Amino acid sequence: KPLWAPRYTTLSELFLSLSPYVVADPIDAISRLYHIYISRVRENILHEEGAQAVERETLDRFWSWGEIIMSDFDDIDKHLADARRVFRHVRELGELSDNSFLSDEQRETLMRFFGYFSTGEDSLVRRRFMRLWNEMPSMYEALREDLLQEGQLWEGALHRDVCRRIKEEPQLTDRYPHICFVGFNVLNSVEELLMQAMGERALFYWDYDEYYVNDPQQEAGEFMRRNLKSFPSALPATCFRTLERLRRVTFVSCPT
């Protein structure tokens, strides 16, 4: 007979429903980050490399790296890491006087990042690296404060803020008396915290097979073994023995 279907939502939308903020537009966030970056390094660039170097620091040149930096900010927050400690460790790595530990690919990436120098100008690479990473903690904080003034945050920062609110106000999740988490695999820290906060109200439906999950030598089951330990499956183990029943498997080549 007819029945009401449950409400479906993504994990990102679930976090958003628990937050007073909205997710910032990525284009706007990178543009704001660029202006923050320039305001902090303009004088250093002018002093060390001259006016032409300042002119080369355009938004176009910054854009692709702005996307990478925003991705780093996002990862830091979704793993509930201490941003200042992360940036300090990376800065200390950049201070190493010996660059021999870098592969050719890593050196090429650094060259693309900082631009306008030859393979022999390691001192310039290091100065530009340090100039950026010295400012990274303040850029992280400044962008966060700038967005907060307009009720916005990038996605990772919003998820982190929700986790903070849940710790301070556990009743925040009471609006969801029943919830099912379906089909996840690798979980980050904010996702784990949200799932734990739901407690006995949550049911977990994982997608796996006992063939590789029950065998510690099977790398494919590494994360699922953790998930099942923390959040047991709502379905019996007999539902996850498909591979042992397979008698014929066809592999189809499918480029791209």
Protein backbone atom coordinates (compact mmCIF):
# COMPACT_ATOMS: atom_id res chain seq x y z
CA LYS A 1 0.00 0.00 0.00
CA PRO A 2 1.14 3.63 -0.39
CA LEU A 3 3.60 4.92 2.19
CA TRP A 4 5.72 8.00 2.75
CA ALA A 5 9.29 7.77 1.50
CA PRO A 6 11.99 8.91 3.93
CA ARG A 7 13.75 12.19 3.44
CA TYR A 8 17.05 11.83 1.58
CA THR A 9 19.96 14.20 2.11
CA THR A 10 23.71 14.36 1.62
CA LEU A 11 26.09 14.58 4.55
CA SER A 12 27.01 18.13 3.54
CA GLU A 13 23.34 19.14 3.59
CA LEU A 14 22.97 17.50 7.01
CA PHE A 15 25.80 19.62 8.40
CA LEU A 16 24.29 22.70 6.77
CA SER A 17 20.93 22.05 8.47
CA LEU A 18 22.67 22.14 11.86
CA SER A 19 24.50 25.42 11.20
CA PRO A 20 23.42 29.08 11.32
CA TYR A 21 25.89 29.79 8.49
CA VAL A 22 25.87 29.16 4.74
CA VAL A 23 28.68 27.76 2.60
CA ALA A 24 30.68 30.53 0.93
CA ASP A 25 30.82 30.73 -2.84
CA PRO A 26 34.22 29.25 -3.88
CA ILE A 27 34.94 32.02 -6.40
CA ASP A 28 34.22 34.72 -3.82
CA ALA A 29 36.31 32.90 -1.17
CA ILE A 30 39.38 32.67 -3.43
CA SER A 31 39.04 36.32 -4.43
CA ARG A 32 38.92 37.32 -0.77
CA LEU A 33 41.93 35.07 -0.06
CA TYR A 34 43.89 36.77 -2.85
CA HIS A 35 43.32 40.25 -1.42
CA ILE A 36 44.30 39.01 2.05
CA TYR A 37 47.46 37.44 0.61
CA ILE A 38 48.48 40.56 -1.32
CA SER A 39 47.86 42.85 1.65
CA ARG A 40 50.29 40.76 3.71
CA VAL A 41 53.12 40.12 1.24
CA ARG A 42 53.16 43.26 -0.94
CA GLU A 43 55.84 45.06 1.07
CA ASN A 44 58.07 41.97 1.30
CA ILE A 45 57.84 41.35 -2.46
CA LEU A 46 58.57 45.01 -3.18
CA HIS A 47 61.59 44.99 -0.86
CA GLU A 48 63.05 41.65 -2.02
CA GLU A 49 62.19 41.52 -5.74
CA GLY A 50 61.07 44.98 -6.86
CA ALA A 51 57.94 46.57 -8.30
CA GLN A 52 57.76 44.26 -11.32
CA ALA A 53 57.45 41.24 -9.06
CA VAL A 54 54.51 42.91 -7.29
CA GLU A 55 52.80 43.47 -10.64
CA ARG A 56 53.23 39.79 -11.51
CA GLU A 57 51.27 38.74 -8.40
CA THR A 58 47.94 38.95 -10.23
CA LEU A 59 44.67 37.22 -9.37
CA ASP A 60 45.03 35.11 -12.54
CA ARG A 61 48.40 33.83 -11.42
CA PHE A 62 47.20 33.23 -7.87
CA TRP A 63 43.94 31.49 -8.83
CA SER A 64 44.98 27.86 -9.28
CA TRP A 65 47.04 27.97 -6.10
CA GLY A 66 44.20 29.70 -4.31
CA GLU A 67 42.10 26.63 -5.11
CA ILE A 68 44.80 24.38 -3.65
CA ILE A 69 45.11 26.52 -0.51
CA MET A 70 41.32 26.47 -0.01
CA SER A 71 41.40 22.70 -0.41
CA ASP A 72 44.10 22.54 2.28
CA PHE A 73 42.04 24.75 4.59
CA ASP A 74 39.07 22.45 3.96
CA ASP A 75 41.06 19.29 4.76
CA ILE A 76 42.50 20.80 7.94
CA ASP A 77 39.03 21.61 9.25
CA LYS A 78 37.39 18.35 8.22
CA HIS A 79 40.10 16.45 10.11
CA LEU A 80 39.79 18.80 13.12
CA ALA A 81 43.50 19.55 12.91
CA ASP A 82 45.23 22.47 14.62
CA ALA A 83 45.77 24.82 11.67
CA ARG A 84 48.65 26.73 13.24
CA ARG A 85 50.54 23.53 14.06
CA VAL A 86 50.05 22.18 10.53
CA PHE A 87 51.35 25.37 8.94
CA ARG A 88 54.26 25.54 11.39
CA HIS A 89 55.36 22.01 10.55
CA VAL A 90 55.23 22.70 6.83
CA ARG A 91 57.15 25.94 7.32
CA GLU A 92 59.81 24.10 9.30
CA LEU A 93 60.10 21.60 6.46
CA GLY A 94 60.65 24.51 4.08
CA GLU A 95 63.46 25.81 6.26
CA LEU A 96 65.58 22.73 5.63
CA SER A 97 68.79 23.79 3.96
CA ASP A 98 69.11 20.56 1.98
CA ASN A 99 66.58 20.12 -0.85
CA SER A 100 68.01 16.78 -1.97
CA PHE A 101 65.08 14.92 -0.38
CA LEU A 102 62.72 16.38 -3.02
CA SER A 103 61.92 14.34 -6.09
CA ASP A 104 62.13 15.95 -9.55
CA GLU A 105 58.32 16.08 -9.63
CA GLN A 106 58.16 17.84 -6.25
CA ARG A 107 60.80 20.36 -7.30
CA GLU A 108 58.86 21.01 -10.52
CA THR A 109 55.68 21.58 -8.50
CA LEU A 110 57.46 24.10 -6.28
CA MET A 111 58.74 25.86 -9.37
CA ARG A 112 55.24 26.10 -10.84
CA PHE A 113 53.92 27.38 -7.51
CA PHE A 114 56.39 30.19 -7.03
CA GLY A 115 57.15 30.79 -10.72
CA TYR A 116 59.61 33.02 -12.54
CA PHE A 117 62.86 31.37 -11.51
CA SER A 118 65.24 28.78 -12.87
CA THR A 119 66.08 25.38 -11.41
CA GLY A 120 69.22 26.79 -9.87
CA GLU A 121 67.62 29.52 -7.78
CA ASP A 122 66.96 27.43 -4.66
CA SER A 123 67.43 30.42 -2.34
CA LEU A 124 64.66 32.30 -4.15
CA VAL A 125 62.41 29.22 -4.01
CA ARG A 126 62.97 29.02 -0.28
CA ARG A 127 62.33 32.74 0.29
CA ARG A 128 59.06 32.63 -1.64
CA PHE A 129 58.03 29.42 0.08
CA MET A 130 58.72 30.93 3.49
CA ARG A 131 57.01 34.18 2.58
CA LEU A 132 53.80 32.34 1.75
CA TRP A 133 53.85 29.87 4.62
CA ASN A 134 54.74 32.50 7.21
CA GLU A 135 51.48 34.21 6.30
CA MET A 136 49.34 31.07 5.99
CA PRO A 137 48.07 30.99 9.62
CA SER A 138 47.05 34.66 9.50
CA MET A 139 45.46 34.17 6.05
CA TYR A 140 43.46 31.23 7.43
CA GLU A 141 42.21 33.27 10.39
CA ALA A 142 41.60 36.45 8.37
CA LEU A 143 39.55 34.66 5.72
CA ARG A 144 37.51 32.90 8.38
CA GLU A 145 36.74 36.17 10.18
CA ASP A 146 35.99 37.95 6.91
CA LEU A 147 33.44 35.32 5.89
CA LEU A 148 31.91 35.04 9.36
CA GLN A 149 31.00 38.73 9.28
CA GLU A 150 28.62 37.87 6.43
CA GLY A 151 27.33 34.63 7.92
CA GLN A 152 29.47 32.42 5.68
CA LEU A 153 32.19 29.77 6.01
CA TRP A 154 33.93 27.42 3.59
CA GLU A 155 32.54 23.89 3.84
CA GLY A 156 35.20 22.39 6.12
CA ALA A 157 35.06 25.35 8.50
CA LEU A 158 31.26 25.08 8.64
CA HIS A 159 31.47 21.34 9.43
CA ARG A 160 34.04 22.04 12.14
CA ASP A 161 31.85 24.73 13.66
CA VAL A 162 28.89 22.30 13.75
CA CYS A 163 31.04 19.79 15.65
CA ARG A 164 31.97 22.48 18.15
CA ARG A 165 28.30 23.35 18.61
CA ILE A 166 27.35 19.70 19.09
CA LYS A 167 29.92 19.35 21.87
CA GLU A 168 28.57 22.46 23.59
CA GLU A 169 24.88 21.72 22.87
CA PRO A 170 24.29 17.95 22.45
CA GLN A 171 20.57 18.61 21.99
CA LEU A 172 21.37 20.27 18.65
CA THR A 173 20.89 16.92 16.88
CA ASP A 174 17.55 16.17 18.59
CA ARG A 175 15.70 17.42 15.53
CA TYR A 176 16.54 14.06 13.93
CA PRO A 177 14.93 11.32 16.10
CA HIS A 178 15.82 8.67 13.50
CA ILE A 179 18.55 8.72 10.87
CA CYS A 180 20.28 6.21 8.59
CA PHE A 181 23.78 6.60 7.20
CA VAL A 182 24.03 4.69 3.93
CA GLY A 183 27.00 3.69 1.78
CA PHE A 184 29.98 5.54 3.25
CA ASN A 185 33.55 4.24 3.28
CA VAL A 186 36.42 6.58 4.26
CA LEU A 187 35.25 8.90 7.03
CA ASN A 188 36.94 12.10 8.15
CA SER A 189 36.93 13.39 11.72
CA VAL A 190 33.90 15.66 11.47
CA GLU A 191 31.82 12.89 9.91
CA GLU A 192 32.78 10.46 12.66
CA LEU A 193 31.93 12.99 15.35
CA LEU A 194 28.50 13.69 13.82
CA MET A 195 27.73 9.97 13.57
CA GLN A 196 28.75 9.43 17.19
CA ALA A 197 26.56 12.34 18.26
CA MET A 198 23.50 10.66 16.74
CA GLY A 199 24.05 7.74 19.12
CA GLU A 200 21.32 5.07 19.26
CA ARG A 201 19.10 7.08 16.92
CA ALA A 202 21.33 6.17 13.97
CA LEU A 203 21.36 3.05 11.79
CA PHE A 204 24.34 2.28 9.57
CA TYR A 205 24.10 0.54 6.20
CA TRP A 206 27.59 -0.10 4.85
CA ASP A 207 28.48 -1.43 1.41
CA TYR A 208 31.13 -4.16 1.68
CA ASP A 209 31.82 -7.88 1.45
CA GLU A 210 33.14 -10.16 4.18
CA TYR A 211 35.66 -11.64 1.73
CA TYR A 212 37.96 -8.62 2.06
CA VAL A 213 36.73 -7.10 5.34
CA ASN A 214 37.37 -10.21 7.45
CA ASP A 215 40.87 -10.67 6.02
CA PRO A 216 43.37 -8.23 7.64
CA GLN A 217 45.68 -8.73 4.66
CA GLN A 218 43.09 -7.21 2.32
CA GLU A 219 43.82 -3.50 1.98
CA ALA A 220 40.39 -2.87 0.47
CA GLY A 221 38.76 -3.52 3.85
CA GLU A 222 40.98 -1.25 5.97
CA PHE A 223 38.55 1.61 6.46
CA MET A 224 35.46 -0.58 6.55
CA ARG A 225 36.92 -2.59 9.43
CA ARG A 226 37.24 0.66 11.40
CA ASN A 227 33.70 1.72 10.48
CA LEU A 228 32.14 -1.58 11.54
CA LYS A 229 33.98 -1.45 14.85
CA SER A 230 32.75 2.05 15.64
CA PHE A 231 29.33 1.83 13.97
CA PRO A 232 28.02 -1.75 13.65
CA SER A 233 25.94 -2.61 10.60
CA ALA A 234 22.14 -2.60 10.89
CA LEU A 235 22.05 -5.68 8.63
CA PRO A 236 23.16 -9.22 9.49
CA ALA A 237 26.53 -10.54 8.24
CA THR A 238 24.74 -12.96 5.86
CA CYS A 239 23.90 -9.97 3.65
CA PHE A 240 27.57 -9.38 2.92
CA ARG A 241 28.78 -12.69 1.51
CA THR A 242 28.15 -12.07 -2.17
CA LEU A 243 31.66 -12.80 -3.44
CA GLU A 244 31.77 -16.33 -2.07
CA ARG A 245 28.63 -17.15 -4.07
CA LEU A 246 29.94 -15.81 -7.37
CA ARG A 247 30.85 -18.51 -9.90
CA ARG A 248 31.50 -16.35 -12.94
CA VAL A 249 32.87 -12.81 -13.12
CA THR A 250 33.21 -10.82 -16.36
CA PHE A 251 35.57 -7.84 -16.50
CA VAL A 252 34.68 -5.22 -19.11
CA SER A 253 37.32 -2.74 -20.27
CA CYS A 254 35.92 0.77 -20.07
CA PRO A 255 38.46 3.53 -20.85
CA THR A 256 37.61 6.93 -19.26
